[in-house]
Amino acid sequence: SLRLSCATSESKFDIYGWAWYRQPTGKRREWVATITSP
């Protein structure tokens, strides 16, 4: 198990949705997960 963190400087952080993506070496970036504003 592992826990990743994404620290942002977005002053309006709470009004946006946020997502995680991943990119294996040599491959295209893919979407992993999303959390909406609510």
Full PDB file with SEQRES, HELIX, SHEET, SSBOND, CRYST1, ORIGX, SCALE, CONECT and MASTER records, all heavy atoms in Angstrom:
SEQRES   1 A   38  SER LEU ARG LEU SER CYS ALA THR SER GLU SER LYS PHE          
SEQRES   2 A   38  ASP ILE TYR GLY TRP ALA TRP TYR ARG GLN PRO THR GLY          
SEQRES   3 A   38  LYS ARG ARG GLU TRP VAL ALA THR ILE THR SER PRO              
HELIX    1 AA1 PHE A   13  ILE A   15  5                                   3    
SHEET    1 AA1 2 TRP A  18  ARG A  22  0                                        
SHEET    2 AA1 2 GLU A  30  ILE A  35 -1                                        
CRYST1    1.000    1.000    1.000  90.00  90.00  90.00 P 1           1          
ORIGX1      1.000000  0.000000  0.000000        0.00000                         
ORIGX2      0.000000  1.000000  0.000000        0.00000                         
ORIGX3      0.000000  0.000000  1.000000        0.00000                         
SCALE1      1.000000  0.000000  0.000000        0.00000                         
SCALE2      0.000000  1.000000  0.000000        0.00000                         
SCALE3      0.000000  0.000000  1.000000        0.00000                         
ATOM      1  N   SER A   1       0.828  -1.197   0.000  1.00  0.00           N  
ATOM      2  CA  SER A   1       0.000   0.000   0.000  1.00  0.00           C  
ATOM      3  C   SER A   1       0.863   1.247   0.000  1.00  0.00           C  
ATOM      4  O   SER A   1       2.002   1.233   0.456  1.00  0.00           O  
ATOM      5  CB  SER A   1      -0.917   0.022   1.228  1.00  0.00           C  
ATOM      6  OG  SER A   1      -1.831  -1.050   1.224  1.00  0.00           O  
ATOM      7  N   LEU A   2       0.284   2.319  -0.500  1.00  0.00           N  
ATOM      8  CA  LEU A   2       0.983   3.587  -0.584  1.00  0.00           C  
ATOM      9  C   LEU A   2      -0.059   4.697  -0.599  1.00  0.00           C  
ATOM     10  O   LEU A   2      -1.153   4.507  -1.139  1.00  0.00           O  
ATOM     11  CB  LEU A   2       1.803   3.622  -1.868  1.00  0.00           C  
ATOM     12  CG  LEU A   2       3.173   4.303  -1.929  1.00  0.00           C  
ATOM     13  CD1 LEU A   2       4.078   3.825  -0.809  1.00  0.00           C  
ATOM     14  CD2 LEU A   2       3.804   4.020  -3.280  1.00  0.00           C  
ATOM     15  N   ARG A   3       0.275   5.840  -0.012  1.00  0.00           N  
ATOM     16  CA  ARG A   3      -0.604   6.993  -0.097  1.00  0.00           C  
ATOM     17  C   ARG A   3       0.128   8.144  -0.762  1.00  0.00           C  
ATOM     18  O   ARG A   3       1.167   8.590  -0.275  1.00  0.00           O  
ATOM     19  CB  ARG A   3      -1.117   7.444   1.274  1.00  0.00           C  
ATOM     20  CG  ARG A   3      -2.211   8.519   1.157  1.00  0.00           C  
ATOM     21  CD  ARG A   3      -2.788   8.947   2.482  1.00  0.00           C  
ATOM     22  NE  ARG A   3      -1.958   9.934   3.154  1.00  0.00           N  
ATOM     23  CZ  ARG A   3      -2.422  10.870   3.983  1.00  0.00           C  
ATOM     24  NH1 ARG A   3      -3.723  10.935   4.255  1.00  0.00           N  
ATOM     25  NH2 ARG A   3      -1.589  11.712   4.565  1.00  0.00           N  
ATOM     26  N   LEU A   4      -0.421   8.616  -1.857  1.00  0.00           N  
ATOM     27  CA  LEU A   4       0.144   9.746  -2.573  1.00  0.00           C  
ATOM     28  C   LEU A   4      -0.546  11.038  -2.144  1.00  0.00           C  
ATOM     29  O   LEU A   4      -1.731  11.041  -1.814  1.00  0.00           O  
ATOM     30  CB  LEU A   4      -0.023   9.572  -4.083  1.00  0.00           C  
ATOM     31  CG  LEU A   4       0.486   8.263  -4.691  1.00  0.00           C  
ATOM     32  CD1 LEU A   4       0.335   8.319  -6.208  1.00  0.00           C  
ATOM     33  CD2 LEU A   4       1.931   8.003  -4.291  1.00  0.00           C  
ATOM     34  N   SER A   5       0.204  12.119  -2.171  1.00  0.00           N  
ATOM     35  CA  SER A   5      -0.334  13.430  -1.854  1.00  0.00           C  
ATOM     36  C   SER A   5      -0.085  14.380  -3.009  1.00  0.00           C  
ATOM     37  O   SER A   5       0.920  14.270  -3.706  1.00  0.00           O  
ATOM     38  CB  SER A   5       0.320  14.001  -0.592  1.00  0.00           C  
ATOM     39  OG  SER A   5       0.033  13.216   0.541  1.00  0.00           O  
ATOM     40  N   CYS A   6      -1.001  15.296  -3.210  1.00  0.00           N  
ATOM     41  CA  CYS A   6      -0.857  16.342  -4.215  1.00  0.00           C  
ATOM     42  C   CYS A   6      -1.155  17.668  -3.533  1.00  0.00           C  
ATOM     43  O   CYS A   6      -2.321  17.996  -3.279  1.00  0.00           O  
ATOM     44  CB  CYS A   6      -1.813  16.112  -5.385  1.00  0.00           C  
ATOM     45  SG  CYS A   6      -1.917  17.492  -6.547  1.00  0.00           S  
ATOM     46  N   ALA A   7      -0.108  18.403  -3.230  1.00  0.00           N  
ATOM     47  CA  ALA A   7      -0.261  19.717  -2.621  1.00  0.00           C  
ATOM     48  C   ALA A   7      -0.385  20.761  -3.721  1.00  0.00           C  
ATOM     49  O   ALA A   7       0.429  20.794  -4.634  1.00  0.00           O  
ATOM     50  CB  ALA A   7       0.935  20.022  -1.726  1.00  0.00           C  
ATOM     51  N   THR A   8      -1.411  21.599  -3.633  1.00  0.00           N  
ATOM     52  CA  THR A   8      -1.634  22.618  -4.643  1.00  0.00           C  
ATOM     53  C   THR A   8      -1.612  24.002  -4.019  1.00  0.00           C  
ATOM     54  O   THR A   8      -1.806  24.162  -2.817  1.00  0.00           O  
ATOM     55  CB  THR A   8      -2.979  22.448  -5.366  1.00  0.00           C  
ATOM     56  OG1 THR A   8      -4.035  23.048  -4.593  1.00  0.00           O  
ATOM     57  CG2 THR A   8      -3.309  20.977  -5.577  1.00  0.00           C  
ATOM     58  N   SER A   9      -1.392  24.993  -4.865  1.00  0.00           N  
ATOM     59  CA  SER A   9      -1.445  26.378  -4.431  1.00  0.00           C  
ATOM     60  C   SER A   9      -2.701  27.057  -4.966  1.00  0.00           C  
ATOM     61  O   SER A   9      -2.768  28.287  -5.034  1.00  0.00           O  
ATOM     62  CB  SER A   9      -0.195  27.128  -4.900  1.00  0.00           C  
ATOM     63  OG  SER A   9      -0.112  27.150  -6.316  1.00  0.00           O  
ATOM     64  N   GLU A  10      -3.696  26.273  -5.334  1.00  0.00           N  
ATOM     65  CA  GLU A  10      -4.930  26.786  -5.893  1.00  0.00           C  
ATOM     66  C   GLU A  10      -5.769  27.446  -4.805  1.00  0.00           C  
ATOM     67  O   GLU A  10      -6.264  26.770  -3.907  1.00  0.00           O  
ATOM     68  CB  GLU A  10      -5.716  25.661  -6.574  1.00  0.00           C  
ATOM     69  CG  GLU A  10      -7.091  26.072  -7.080  1.00  0.00           C  
ATOM     70  CD  GLU A  10      -7.026  27.229  -8.055  1.00  0.00           C  
ATOM     71  OE1 GLU A  10      -6.538  27.016  -9.191  1.00  0.00           O  
ATOM     72  OE2 GLU A  10      -7.453  28.343  -7.682  1.00  0.00           O  
ATOM     73  N   SER A  11      -5.941  28.747  -4.912  1.00  0.00           N  
ATOM     74  CA  SER A  11      -6.677  29.484  -3.890  1.00  0.00           C  
ATOM     75  C   SER A  11      -8.174  29.171  -3.897  1.00  0.00           C  
ATOM     76  O   SER A  11      -8.851  29.373  -2.887  1.00  0.00           O  
ATOM     77  CB  SER A  11      -6.455  30.990  -4.055  1.00  0.00           C  
ATOM     78  OG  SER A  11      -6.933  31.445  -5.305  1.00  0.00           O  
ATOM     79  N   LYS A  12      -8.684  28.689  -5.024  1.00  0.00           N  
ATOM     80  CA  LYS A  12     -10.088  28.310  -5.131  1.00  0.00           C  
ATOM     81  C   LYS A  12     -10.219  26.789  -5.222  1.00  0.00           C  
ATOM     82  O   LYS A  12     -11.063  26.265  -5.945  1.00  0.00           O  
ATOM     83  CB  LYS A  12     -10.728  28.980  -6.339  1.00  0.00           C  
ATOM     84  CG  LYS A  12     -10.694  30.499  -6.282  1.00  0.00           C  
ATOM     85  CD  LYS A  12     -11.419  31.100  -7.480  1.00  0.00           C  
ATOM     86  CE  LYS A  12     -11.260  32.613  -7.520  1.00  0.00           C  
ATOM     87  NZ  LYS A  12     -11.806  33.267  -6.295  1.00  0.00           N  
ATOM     88  N   PHE A  13      -9.385  26.109  -4.483  1.00  0.00           N  
ATOM     89  CA  PHE A  13      -9.289  24.655  -4.513  1.00  0.00           C  
ATOM     90  C   PHE A  13     -10.645  23.964  -4.396  1.00  0.00           C  
ATOM     91  O   PHE A  13     -10.938  23.024  -5.147  1.00  0.00           O  
ATOM     92  CB  PHE A  13      -8.372  24.194  -3.375  1.00  0.00           C  
ATOM     93  CG  PHE A  13      -8.223  22.706  -3.256  1.00  0.00           C  
ATOM     94  CD1 PHE A  13      -7.219  22.041  -3.945  1.00  0.00           C  
ATOM     95  CD2 PHE A  13      -9.075  21.967  -2.446  1.00  0.00           C  
ATOM     96  CE1 PHE A  13      -7.063  20.669  -3.829  1.00  0.00           C  
ATOM     97  CE2 PHE A  13      -8.928  20.594  -2.321  1.00  0.00           C  
ATOM     98  CZ  PHE A  13      -7.922  19.947  -3.016  1.00  0.00           C  
ATOM     99  N   ASP A  14     -11.461  24.429  -3.482  1.00  0.00           N  
ATOM    100  CA  ASP A  14     -12.696  23.718  -3.165  1.00  0.00           C  
ATOM    101  C   ASP A  14     -13.784  23.820  -4.221  1.00  0.00           C  
ATOM    102  O   ASP A  14     -14.755  23.054  -4.164  1.00  0.00           O  
ATOM    103  CB  ASP A  14     -13.242  24.173  -1.808  1.00  0.00           C  
ATOM    104  CG  ASP A  14     -13.493  25.667  -1.727  1.00  0.00           C  
ATOM    105  OD1 ASP A  14     -12.694  26.439  -2.309  1.00  0.00           O  
ATOM    106  OD2 ASP A  14     -14.470  26.067  -1.076  1.00  0.00           O  
ATOM    107  N   ILE A  15     -13.664  24.728  -5.180  1.00  0.00           N  
ATOM    108  CA  ILE A  15     -14.711  24.851  -6.192  1.00  0.00           C  
ATOM    109  C   ILE A  15     -14.455  23.961  -7.408  1.00  0.00           C  
ATOM    110  O   ILE A  15     -15.324  23.848  -8.282  1.00  0.00           O  
ATOM    111  CB  ILE A  15     -14.907  26.308  -6.661  1.00  0.00           C  
ATOM    112  CG1 ILE A  15     -13.781  26.750  -7.592  1.00  0.00           C  
ATOM    113  CG2 ILE A  15     -15.039  27.244  -5.473  1.00  0.00           C  
ATOM    114  CD1 ILE A  15     -14.050  28.091  -8.256  1.00  0.00           C  
ATOM    115  N   TYR A  16     -13.298  23.329  -7.458  1.00  0.00           N  
ATOM    116  CA  TYR A  16     -12.945  22.476  -8.592  1.00  0.00           C  
ATOM    117  C   TYR A  16     -12.993  20.998  -8.238  1.00  0.00           C  
ATOM    118  O   TYR A  16     -12.863  20.611  -7.076  1.00  0.00           O  
ATOM    119  CB  TYR A  16     -11.540  22.800  -9.088  1.00  0.00           C  
ATOM    120  CG  TYR A  16     -11.381  24.180  -9.669  1.00  0.00           C  
ATOM    121  CD1 TYR A  16     -10.678  25.157  -8.979  1.00  0.00           C  
ATOM    122  CD2 TYR A  16     -11.925  24.499 -10.902  1.00  0.00           C  
ATOM    123  CE1 TYR A  16     -10.525  26.427  -9.508  1.00  0.00           C  
ATOM    124  CE2 TYR A  16     -11.779  25.769 -11.436  1.00  0.00           C  
ATOM    125  CZ  TYR A  16     -11.082  26.728 -10.738  1.00  0.00           C  
ATOM    126  OH  TYR A  16     -10.934  27.982 -11.264  1.00  0.00           O  
ATOM    127  N   GLY A  17     -13.156  20.189  -9.276  1.00  0.00           N  
ATOM    128  CA  GLY A  17     -12.907  18.774  -9.133  1.00  0.00           C  
ATOM    129  C   GLY A  17     -11.417  18.532  -9.325  1.00  0.00           C  
ATOM    130  O   GLY A  17     -10.710  19.363  -9.900  1.00  0.00           O  
ATOM    131  N   TRP A  18     -10.945  17.403  -8.844  1.00  0.00           N  
ATOM    132  CA  TRP A  18      -9.526  17.063  -8.947  1.00  0.00           C  
ATOM    133  C   TRP A  18      -9.377  15.621  -9.387  1.00  0.00           C  
ATOM    134  O   TRP A  18     -10.257  14.793  -9.146  1.00  0.00           O  
ATOM    135  CB  TRP A  18      -8.807  17.298  -7.610  1.00  0.00           C  
ATOM    136  CG  TRP A  18      -8.802  18.740  -7.254  1.00  0.00           C  
ATOM    137  CD1 TRP A  18      -9.760  19.429  -6.570  1.00  0.00           C  
ATOM    138  CD2 TRP A  18      -7.810  19.698  -7.616  1.00  0.00           C  
ATOM    139  NE1 TRP A  18      -9.431  20.759  -6.482  1.00  0.00           N  
ATOM    140  CE2 TRP A  18      -8.227  20.952  -7.118  1.00  0.00           C  
ATOM    141  CE3 TRP A  18      -6.598  19.628  -8.312  1.00  0.00           C  
ATOM    142  CZ2 TRP A  18      -7.491  22.118  -7.292  1.00  0.00           C  
ATOM    143  CZ3 TRP A  18      -5.858  20.780  -8.486  1.00  0.00           C  
ATOM    144  CH2 TRP A  18      -6.312  22.003  -7.972  1.00  0.00           C  
ATOM    145  N   ALA A  19      -8.260  15.332 -10.023  1.00  0.00           N  
ATOM    146  CA  ALA A  19      -8.065  13.992 -10.559  1.00  0.00           C  
ATOM    147  C   ALA A  19      -6.617  13.547 -10.441  1.00  0.00           C  
ATOM    148  O   ALA A  19      -5.696  14.361 -10.381  1.00  0.00           O  
ATOM    149  CB  ALA A  19      -8.501  13.939 -12.022  1.00  0.00           C  
ATOM    150  N   TRP A  20      -6.444  12.240 -10.418  1.00  0.00           N  
ATOM    151  CA  TRP A  20      -5.137  11.609 -10.501  1.00  0.00           C  
ATOM    152  C   TRP A  20      -5.003  10.928 -11.851  1.00  0.00           C  
ATOM    153  O   TRP A  20      -5.966  10.344 -12.360  1.00  0.00           O  
ATOM    154  CB  TRP A  20      -4.937  10.573  -9.394  1.00  0.00           C  
ATOM    155  CG  TRP A  20      -4.626  11.167  -8.058  1.00  0.00           C  
ATOM    156  CD1 TRP A  20      -5.499  11.427  -7.054  1.00  0.00           C  
ATOM    157  CD2 TRP A  20      -3.332  11.551  -7.579  1.00  0.00           C  
ATOM    158  NE1 TRP A  20      -4.836  11.953  -5.974  1.00  0.00           N  
ATOM    159  CE2 TRP A  20      -3.505  12.045  -6.264  1.00  0.00           C  
ATOM    160  CE3 TRP A  20      -2.042  11.532  -8.132  1.00  0.00           C  
ATOM    161  CZ2 TRP A  20      -2.440  12.515  -5.495  1.00  0.00           C  
ATOM    162  CZ3 TRP A  20      -0.985  12.002  -7.365  1.00  0.00           C  
ATOM    163  CH2 TRP A  20      -1.190  12.486  -6.064  1.00  0.00           C  
ATOM    164  N   TYR A  21      -3.815  10.992 -12.406  1.00  0.00           N  
ATOM    165  CA  TYR A  21      -3.469  10.350 -13.659  1.00  0.00           C  
ATOM    166  C   TYR A  21      -2.165   9.587 -13.454  1.00  0.00           C  
ATOM    167  O   TYR A  21      -1.425   9.855 -12.519  1.00  0.00           O  
ATOM    168  CB  TYR A  21      -3.263  11.376 -14.773  1.00  0.00           C  
ATOM    169  CG  TYR A  21      -4.440  12.301 -14.981  1.00  0.00           C  
ATOM    170  CD1 TYR A  21      -4.617  13.420 -14.181  1.00  0.00           C  
ATOM    171  CD2 TYR A  21      -5.372  12.059 -15.991  1.00  0.00           C  
ATOM    172  CE1 TYR A  21      -5.685  14.277 -14.364  1.00  0.00           C  
ATOM    173  CE2 TYR A  21      -6.445  12.912 -16.186  1.00  0.00           C  
ATOM    174  CZ  TYR A  21      -6.598  14.014 -15.371  1.00  0.00           C  
ATOM    175  OH  TYR A  21      -7.667  14.859 -15.560  1.00  0.00           O  
ATOM    176  N   ARG A  22      -1.885   8.663 -14.334  1.00  0.00           N  
ATOM    177  CA  ARG A  22      -0.597   7.978 -14.278  1.00  0.00           C  
ATOM    178  C   ARG A  22      -0.064   7.742 -15.673  1.00  0.00           C  
ATOM    179  O   ARG A  22      -0.825   7.665 -16.636  1.00  0.00           O  
ATOM    180  CB  ARG A  22      -0.707   6.659 -13.509  1.00  0.00           C  
ATOM    181  CG  ARG A  22      -1.579   5.600 -14.163  1.00  0.00           C  
ATOM    182  CD  ARG A  22      -1.727   4.411 -13.223  1.00  0.00           C  
ATOM    183  NE  ARG A  22      -2.499   3.337 -13.815  1.00  0.00           N  
ATOM    184  CZ  ARG A  22      -2.881   2.253 -13.162  1.00  0.00           C  
ATOM    185  NH1 ARG A  22      -2.544   2.089 -11.876  1.00  0.00           N  
ATOM    186  NH2 ARG A  22      -3.589   1.311 -13.777  1.00  0.00           N  
ATOM    187  N   GLN A  23       1.239   7.645 -15.759  1.00  0.00           N  
ATOM    188  CA  GLN A  23       1.902   7.479 -17.043  1.00  0.00           C  
ATOM    189  C   GLN A  23       3.065   6.508 -16.910  1.00  0.00           C  
ATOM    190  O   GLN A  23       4.141   6.884 -16.430  1.00  0.00           O  
ATOM    191  CB  GLN A  23       2.388   8.825 -17.574  1.00  0.00           C  
ATOM    192  CG  GLN A  23       2.981   8.757 -18.962  1.00  0.00           C  
ATOM    193  CD  GLN A  23       3.231  10.132 -19.544  1.00  0.00           C  
ATOM    194  OE1 GLN A  23       3.435  11.097 -18.814  1.00  0.00           O  
ATOM    195  NE2 GLN A  23       3.194  10.226 -20.862  1.00  0.00           N  
ATOM    196  N   PRO A  24       2.867   5.260 -17.331  1.00  0.00           N  
ATOM    197  CA  PRO A  24       3.994   4.329 -17.376  1.00  0.00           C  
ATOM    198  C   PRO A  24       5.027   4.840 -18.368  1.00  0.00           C  
ATOM    199  O   PRO A  24       4.675   5.517 -19.342  1.00  0.00           O  
ATOM    200  CB  PRO A  24       3.362   3.022 -17.851  1.00  0.00           C  
ATOM    201  CG  PRO A  24       1.903   3.169 -17.531  1.00  0.00           C  
ATOM    202  CD  PRO A  24       1.611   4.621 -17.742  1.00  0.00           C  
ATOM    203  N   THR A  25       6.267   4.524 -18.139  1.00  0.00           N  
ATOM    204  CA  THR A  25       7.326   4.973 -19.030  1.00  0.00           C  
ATOM    205  C   THR A  25       7.052   4.547 -20.465  1.00  0.00           C  
ATOM    206  O   THR A  25       6.758   3.379 -20.725  1.00  0.00           O  
ATOM    207  CB  THR A  25       8.683   4.418 -18.579  1.00  0.00           C  
ATOM    208  OG1 THR A  25       8.948   4.847 -17.238  1.00  0.00           O  
ATOM    209  CG2 THR A  25       9.796   4.902 -19.485  1.00  0.00           C  
ATOM    210  N   GLY A  26       7.115   5.496 -21.380  1.00  0.00           N  
ATOM    211  CA  GLY A  26       6.921   5.201 -22.782  1.00  0.00           C  
ATOM    212  C   GLY A  26       5.477   5.084 -23.223  1.00  0.00           C  
ATOM    213  O   GLY A  26       5.223   4.810 -24.394  1.00  0.00           O  
ATOM    214  N   LYS A  27       4.528   5.282 -22.317  1.00  0.00           N  
ATOM    215  CA  LYS A  27       3.118   5.173 -22.657  1.00  0.00           C  
ATOM    216  C   LYS A  27       2.396   6.492 -22.411  1.00  0.00           C  
ATOM    217  O   LYS A  27       2.932   7.395 -21.772  1.00  0.00           O  
ATOM    218  CB  LYS A  27       2.462   4.050 -21.858  1.00  0.00           C  
ATOM    219  CG  LYS A  27       3.063   2.681 -22.117  1.00  0.00           C  
ATOM    220  CD  LYS A  27       2.355   1.596 -21.334  1.00  0.00           C  
ATOM    221  CE  LYS A  27       2.949   0.235 -21.616  1.00  0.00           C  
ATOM    222  NZ  LYS A  27       2.271  -0.838 -20.846  1.00  0.00           N  
ATOM    223  N   ARG A  28       1.186   6.583 -22.910  1.00  0.00           N  
ATOM    224  CA  ARG A  28       0.405   7.793 -22.755  1.00  0.00           C  
ATOM    225  C   ARG A  28      -0.141   7.915 -21.335  1.00  0.00           C  
ATOM    226  O   ARG A  28      -0.341   6.913 -20.647  1.00  0.00           O  
ATOM    227  CB  ARG A  28      -0.740   7.830 -23.766  1.00  0.00           C  
ATOM    228  CG  ARG A  28      -1.753   6.725 -23.564  1.00  0.00           C  
ATOM    229  CD  ARG A  28      -2.803   6.732 -24.679  1.00  0.00           C  
ATOM    230  NE  ARG A  28      -3.621   7.937 -24.646  1.00  0.00           N  
ATOM    231  CZ  ARG A  28      -4.720   8.075 -23.914  1.00  0.00           C  
ATOM    232  NH1 ARG A  28      -5.147   7.090 -23.134  1.00  0.00           N  
ATOM    233  NH2 ARG A  28      -5.400   9.212 -23.968  1.00  0.00           N  
ATOM    234  N   ARG A  29      -0.385   9.115 -20.924  1.00  0.00           N  
ATOM    235  CA  ARG A  29      -0.960   9.360 -19.619  1.00  0.00           C  
ATOM    236  C   ARG A  29      -2.420   8.902 -19.601  1.00  0.00           C  
ATOM    237  O   ARG A  29      -3.161   9.128 -20.557  1.00  0.00           O  
ATOM    238  CB  ARG A  29      -0.860  10.854 -19.289  1.00  0.00           C  
ATOM    239  CG  ARG A  29      -1.426  11.239 -17.933  1.00  0.00           C  
ATOM    240  CD  ARG A  29      -0.940  12.627 -17.504  1.00  0.00           C  
ATOM    241  NE  ARG A  29      -1.050  13.592 -18.578  1.00  0.00           N  
ATOM    242  CZ  ARG A  29      -0.044  14.286 -19.064  1.00  0.00           C  
ATOM    243  NH1 ARG A  29       1.174  14.136 -18.576  1.00  0.00           N  
ATOM    244  NH2 ARG A  29      -0.249  15.162 -20.042  1.00  0.00           N  
ATOM    245  N   GLU A  30      -2.825   8.256 -18.531  1.00  0.00           N  
ATOM    246  CA  GLU A  30      -4.191   7.784 -18.411  1.00  0.00           C  
ATOM    247  C   GLU A  30      -4.833   8.291 -17.118  1.00  0.00           C  
ATOM    248  O   GLU A  30      -4.166   8.486 -16.105  1.00  0.00           O  
ATOM    249  CB  GLU A  30      -4.249   6.256 -18.437  1.00  0.00           C  
ATOM    250  CG  GLU A  30      -3.586   5.581 -17.251  1.00  0.00           C  
ATOM    251  CD  GLU A  30      -3.798   4.081 -17.214  1.00  0.00           C  
ATOM    252  OE1 GLU A  30      -4.812   3.601 -17.774  1.00  0.00           O  
ATOM    253  OE2 GLU A  30      -2.940   3.380 -16.637  1.00  0.00           O  
ATOM    254  N   TRP A  31      -6.122   8.470 -17.160  1.00  0.00           N  
ATOM    255  CA  TRP A  31      -6.877   8.899 -16.012  1.00  0.00           C  
ATOM    256  C   TRP A  31      -7.045   7.761 -15.014  1.00  0.00           C  
ATOM    257  O   TRP A  31      -7.265   6.613 -15.406  1.00  0.00           O  
ATOM    258  CB  TRP A  31      -8.249   9.405 -16.466  1.00  0.00           C  
ATOM    259  CG  TRP A  31      -9.219   9.640 -15.352  1.00  0.00           C  
ATOM    260  CD1 TRP A  31      -9.259  10.701 -14.498  1.00  0.00           C  
ATOM    261  CD2 TRP A  31     -10.302   8.786 -14.979  1.00  0.00           C  
ATOM    262  NE1 TRP A  31     -10.310  10.563 -13.608  1.00  0.00           N  
ATOM    263  CE2 TRP A  31     -10.959   9.394 -13.888  1.00  0.00           C  
ATOM    264  CE3 TRP A  31     -10.781   7.568 -15.464  1.00  0.00           C  
ATOM    265  CZ2 TRP A  31     -12.070   8.827 -13.275  1.00  0.00           C  
ATOM    266  CZ3 TRP A  31     -11.888   7.001 -14.855  1.00  0.00           C  
ATOM    267  CH2 TRP A  31     -12.522   7.634 -13.778  1.00  0.00           C  
ATOM    268  N   VAL A  32      -6.948   8.069 -13.749  1.00  0.00           N  
ATOM    269  CA  VAL A  32      -7.042   7.065 -12.695  1.00  0.00           C  
ATOM    270  C   VAL A  32      -8.268   7.275 -11.809  1.00  0.00           C  
ATOM    271  O   VAL A  32      -9.031   6.342 -11.557  1.00  0.00           O  
ATOM    272  CB  VAL A  32      -5.776   7.066 -11.820  1.00  0.00           C  
ATOM    273  CG1 VAL A  32      -5.947   6.147 -10.613  1.00  0.00           C  
ATOM    274  CG2 VAL A  32      -4.571   6.640 -12.650  1.00  0.00           C  
ATOM    275  N   ALA A  33      -8.449   8.489 -11.306  1.00  0.00           N  
ATOM    276  CA  ALA A  33      -9.532   8.739 -10.358  1.00  0.00           C  
ATOM    277  C   ALA A  33      -9.889  10.212 -10.335  1.00  0.00           C  
ATOM    278  O   ALA A  33      -9.062  11.071 -10.643  1.00  0.00           O  
ATOM    279  CB  ALA A  33      -9.135   8.287  -8.947  1.00  0.00           C  
ATOM    280  N   THR A  34     -11.122  10.502  -9.957  1.00  0.00           N  
ATOM    281  CA  THR A  34     -11.625  11.865  -9.865  1.00  0.00           C  
ATOM    282  C   THR A  34     -12.397  12.055  -8.572  1.00  0.00           C  
ATOM    283  O   THR A  34     -13.074  11.133  -8.111  1.00  0.00           O  
ATOM    284  CB  THR A  34     -12.555  12.180 -11.057  1.00  0.00           C  
ATOM    285  OG1 THR A  34     -11.798  12.253 -12.258  1.00  0.00           O  
ATOM    286  CG2 THR A  34     -13.285  13.509 -10.855  1.00  0.00           C  
ATOM    287  N   ILE A  35     -12.287  13.231  -8.008  1.00  0.00           N  
ATOM    288  CA  ILE A  35     -13.158  13.628  -6.921  1.00  0.00           C  
ATOM    289  C   ILE A  35     -13.741  14.981  -7.277  1.00  0.00           C  
ATOM    290  O   ILE A  35     -13.020  15.901  -7.656  1.00  0.00           O  
ATOM    291  CB  ILE A  35     -12.426  13.646  -5.559  1.00  0.00           C  
ATOM    292  CG1 ILE A  35     -13.420  13.961  -4.433  1.00  0.00           C  
ATOM    293  CG2 ILE A  35     -11.254  14.621  -5.553  1.00  0.00           C  
ATOM    294  CD1 ILE A  35     -12.892  13.622  -3.042  1.00  0.00           C  
ATOM    295  N   THR A  36     -15.056  15.111  -7.203  1.00  0.00           N  
ATOM    296  CA  THR A  36     -15.732  16.346  -7.565  1.00  0.00           C  
ATOM    297  C   THR A  36     -15.698  17.329  -6.411  1.00  0.00           C  
ATOM    298  O   THR A  36     -15.324  16.994  -5.285  1.00  0.00           O  
ATOM    299  CB  THR A  36     -17.193  16.091  -7.965  1.00  0.00           C  
ATOM    300  OG1 THR A  36     -17.932  15.667  -6.806  1.00  0.00           O  
ATOM    301  CG2 THR A  36     -17.292  15.022  -9.043  1.00  0.00           C  
ATOM    302  N   SER A  37     -16.126  18.546  -6.690  1.00  0.00           N  
ATOM    303  CA  SER A  37     -16.178  19.561  -5.650  1.00  0.00           C  
ATOM    304  C   SER A  37     -17.023  19.129  -4.451  1.00  0.00           C  
ATOM    305  O   SER A  37     -16.595  19.290  -3.305  1.00  0.00           O  
ATOM    306  CB  SER A  37     -16.693  20.875  -6.234  1.00  0.00           C  
ATOM    307  OG  SER A  37     -16.789  21.875  -5.241  1.00  0.00           O  
ATOM    308  N   PRO A  38     -18.222  18.561  -4.688  1.00  0.00           N  
ATOM    309  CA  PRO A  38     -19.007  18.084  -3.547  1.00  0.00           C  
ATOM    310  C   PRO A  38     -18.456  16.823  -2.886  1.00  0.00           C  
ATOM    311  O   PRO A  38     -18.882  16.484  -1.784  1.00  0.00           O  
ATOM    312  CB  PRO A  38     -20.387  17.807  -4.158  1.00  0.00           C  
ATOM    313  CG  PRO A  38     -20.409  18.573  -5.434  1.00  0.00           C  
ATOM    314  CD  PRO A  38     -19.015  18.501  -5.929  1.00  0.00           C  
TER     315      PRO A  38                                                      
MASTER        0    0    0    1    2    0    0    6  314    1    0    3          
END                                                                             
